[in-house]
Amino acid sequence: MSQLQSVKGTLLHLLNNQMKVVDKLLNKISEDAVNFKPCGDESSLSLGELVAHMYEMVFAYSKAVRKGKLENEDFAEIPTPKTGATLDQIKDYIKKIKTYFHETLESLTEDKLQQEITFHCWHGFKLAGIQALMTIQEEVVHHRGQLTLYIRLLGIKLPVGFIYDYS
């Protein structure tokens, strides 16, 4: 198996399994829960902001791999829901990002994996394409864990083994 096939397979697993768990978690919450903040202060993200941020990072790193760089204006392509967005607005955003991510994977080449990407919007730091794509996985797993905690703090019971979905 080539490195390209391996990366695509790993990220398709992310898209088809790990992100599906996020969908299931969102289906367990009410509209009121979107604005829930675990600390109740301005320093933490609301549940809705957390989910939007997670998918914003999926978009950002995908866009960077496609383009070879990331700039502030790139975020306007698929605007992130603002504070106070409804659950339906967040779900619509997620659907758009998943489609974009899938299209990124379909168009992925060995050259894109090896290219150096400059993140101008984040102080010009640089990553190889493959590192940027693997950062997507880190972001999703990290923020999915946070989302799980938020949901538990809301008193919502989660079934054993819910964190995996191979259906």
Protein backbone atom coordinates (compact mmCIF):
# COMPACT_ATOMS: atom_id res chain seq x y z
CA MET A 1 0.00 0.00 0.00
CA SER A 2 1.37 3.41 -0.94
CA GLN A 3 1.63 6.28 1.52
CA LEU A 4 -1.14 8.03 -0.42
CA GLN A 5 -3.49 5.05 -0.10
CA SER A 6 -2.66 4.73 3.59
CA VAL A 7 -3.35 8.40 4.32
CA LYS A 8 -6.59 8.34 2.33
CA GLY A 9 -7.70 5.18 4.14
CA THR A 10 -6.92 6.63 7.56
CA LEU A 11 -8.77 9.86 6.82
CA LEU A 12 -11.74 8.10 5.22
CA HIS A 13 -11.97 6.12 8.47
CA LEU A 14 -12.04 9.45 10.31
CA LEU A 15 -14.78 10.76 8.04
CA ASN A 16 -16.88 7.60 8.03
CA ASN A 17 -16.53 6.53 11.66
CA GLN A 18 -15.21 9.12 14.08
CA MET A 19 -17.15 12.04 12.61
CA LYS A 20 -20.29 9.88 12.57
CA VAL A 21 -20.01 9.69 16.36
CA VAL A 22 -20.10 13.49 16.51
CA ASP A 23 -23.32 13.38 14.47
CA LYS A 24 -24.81 10.92 16.95
CA LEU A 25 -23.78 13.11 19.89
CA LEU A 26 -25.40 16.15 18.30
CA ASN A 27 -28.60 14.18 17.80
CA LYS A 28 -28.77 13.65 21.58
CA ILE A 29 -28.86 17.33 22.49
CA SER A 30 -31.63 19.90 22.53
CA GLU A 31 -31.48 23.34 20.98
CA ASP A 32 -30.86 24.81 24.46
CA ALA A 33 -27.69 22.75 24.86
CA VAL A 34 -25.99 24.48 21.91
CA ASN A 35 -25.19 27.44 24.16
CA PHE A 36 -24.04 25.34 27.14
CA LYS A 37 -20.65 26.31 28.58
CA PRO A 38 -19.11 23.95 31.13
CA CYS A 39 -17.47 26.74 33.10
CA GLY A 40 -20.26 29.24 32.65
CA ASP A 41 -17.83 32.03 31.84
CA GLU A 42 -16.50 33.75 28.76
CA SER A 43 -13.25 31.76 28.73
CA SER A 44 -14.84 28.55 27.46
CA LEU A 45 -16.52 27.78 24.18
CA SER A 46 -20.17 26.87 24.10
CA LEU A 47 -21.04 23.40 22.87
CA GLY A 48 -22.03 24.84 19.49
CA GLU A 49 -18.86 26.92 19.23
CA LEU A 50 -16.75 23.86 20.10
CA VAL A 51 -18.30 21.77 17.33
CA ALA A 52 -18.04 24.64 14.84
CA HIS A 53 -14.38 25.11 15.78
CA MET A 54 -13.63 21.42 15.32
CA TYR A 55 -15.04 21.43 11.79
CA GLU A 56 -13.46 24.79 11.04
CA MET A 57 -10.09 23.11 11.67
CA VAL A 58 -11.05 20.25 9.32
CA PHE A 59 -11.76 22.89 6.67
CA ALA A 60 -8.63 24.92 7.41
CA TYR A 61 -6.18 22.04 7.11
CA SER A 62 -8.02 20.61 4.07
CA LYS A 63 -7.96 24.00 2.36
CA ALA A 64 -4.27 24.41 3.13
CA VAL A 65 -3.44 21.06 1.56
CA ARG A 66 -5.45 21.91 -1.57
CA LYS A 67 -3.98 25.39 -1.93
CA GLY A 68 -0.47 24.95 -0.50
CA LYS A 69 -1.06 27.75 1.99
CA LEU A 70 -3.75 29.13 4.27
CA GLU A 71 -4.68 32.79 4.61
CA ASN A 72 -7.33 34.55 6.68
CA GLU A 73 -9.53 35.21 3.65
CA ASP A 74 -9.77 31.47 2.94
CA PHE A 75 -12.18 31.07 5.85
CA ALA A 76 -14.80 33.09 3.95
CA GLU A 77 -15.29 30.21 1.50
CA ILE A 78 -17.41 28.28 4.03
CA PRO A 79 -18.16 30.73 6.84
CA THR A 80 -18.09 29.28 10.36
CA PRO A 81 -21.37 29.64 12.28
CA LYS A 82 -21.30 32.55 14.67
CA THR A 83 -21.91 32.48 18.42
CA GLY A 84 -25.60 31.81 18.97
CA ALA A 85 -26.02 29.68 15.83
CA THR A 86 -28.82 27.14 15.95
CA LEU A 87 -28.28 23.40 16.00
CA ASP A 88 -29.58 23.18 12.43
CA GLN A 89 -27.12 25.86 11.27
CA ILE A 90 -24.25 23.93 12.89
CA LYS A 91 -25.39 20.65 11.32
CA ASP A 92 -25.61 22.34 7.91
CA TYR A 93 -22.06 23.66 8.36
CA ILE A 94 -20.84 20.19 9.30
CA LYS A 95 -22.41 18.73 6.16
CA LYS A 96 -20.61 21.31 3.99
CA ILE A 97 -17.28 20.67 5.69
CA LYS A 98 -17.60 16.90 5.39
CA THR A 99 -18.28 17.27 1.66
CA TYR A 100 -15.27 19.57 1.30
CA PHE A 101 -13.08 17.15 3.25
CA HIS A 102 -14.22 14.21 1.14
CA GLU A 103 -13.48 16.16 -2.07
CA THR A 104 -10.04 16.98 -0.68
CA LEU A 105 -9.34 13.30 -0.12
CA GLU A 106 -10.56 12.39 -3.61
CA SER A 107 -8.19 14.91 -5.20
CA LEU A 108 -5.20 14.07 -2.97
CA THR A 109 -1.88 13.30 -4.66
CA GLU A 110 1.58 12.26 -3.47
CA ASP A 111 2.79 15.78 -4.33
CA LYS A 112 0.14 17.29 -2.04
CA LEU A 113 1.30 15.03 0.80
CA GLN A 114 4.91 16.17 0.40
CA GLN A 115 4.38 19.88 -0.27
CA GLU A 116 5.34 22.44 2.35
CA ILE A 117 2.34 24.47 3.45
CA THR A 118 2.62 27.92 4.97
CA PHE A 119 -0.12 28.94 7.37
CA HIS A 120 0.02 32.72 6.86
CA CYS A 121 -3.06 33.18 9.06
CA TRP A 122 -1.26 31.51 11.97
CA HIS A 123 2.03 33.41 12.11
CA GLY A 124 3.48 31.66 9.04
CA PHE A 125 4.21 28.30 10.59
CA LYS A 126 4.85 25.47 8.13
CA LEU A 127 3.85 21.81 7.85
CA ALA A 128 4.15 19.17 5.17
CA GLY A 129 0.83 18.22 3.58
CA ILE A 130 0.74 14.86 5.33
CA GLN A 131 1.31 16.57 8.70
CA ALA A 132 -1.55 18.97 8.02
CA LEU A 133 -3.86 16.07 7.19
CA MET A 134 -2.86 14.13 10.29
CA THR A 135 -3.53 17.26 12.36
CA ILE A 136 -7.16 16.96 11.24
CA GLN A 137 -7.35 13.60 12.96
CA GLU A 138 -5.80 15.05 16.14
CA GLU A 139 -8.30 17.92 16.13
CA VAL A 140 -11.33 15.68 15.66
CA VAL A 141 -10.33 13.18 18.34
CA HIS A 142 -9.42 15.93 20.82
CA HIS A 143 -12.59 17.95 20.34
CA ARG A 144 -14.81 14.86 20.16
CA GLY A 145 -13.54 14.07 23.67
CA GLN A 146 -14.40 17.55 24.83
CA LEU A 147 -17.86 17.27 23.27
CA THR A 148 -18.41 13.99 25.11
CA LEU A 149 -17.58 15.70 28.40
CA TYR A 150 -19.96 18.59 27.63
CA ILE A 151 -22.76 16.13 26.92
CA ARG A 152 -22.09 14.20 30.12
CA LEU A 153 -22.11 17.46 32.09
CA LEU A 154 -25.54 18.13 30.59
CA GLY A 155 -26.67 14.87 32.22
CA ILE A 156 -27.16 13.00 28.97
CA LYS A 157 -26.40 9.30 29.29
CA LEU A 158 -24.26 7.77 26.58
CA PRO A 159 -24.34 4.08 25.71
CA VAL A 160 -21.28 1.93 26.33
CA GLY A 161 -19.10 1.82 23.22
CA PHE A 162 -20.72 4.88 21.64
CA ILE A 163 -17.34 6.34 20.68
CA TYR A 164 -17.00 3.89 17.81
CA ASP A 165 -19.36 3.50 14.90
CA TYR A 166 -18.52 0.93 12.27
CA SER A 167 -22.05 0.59 10.92
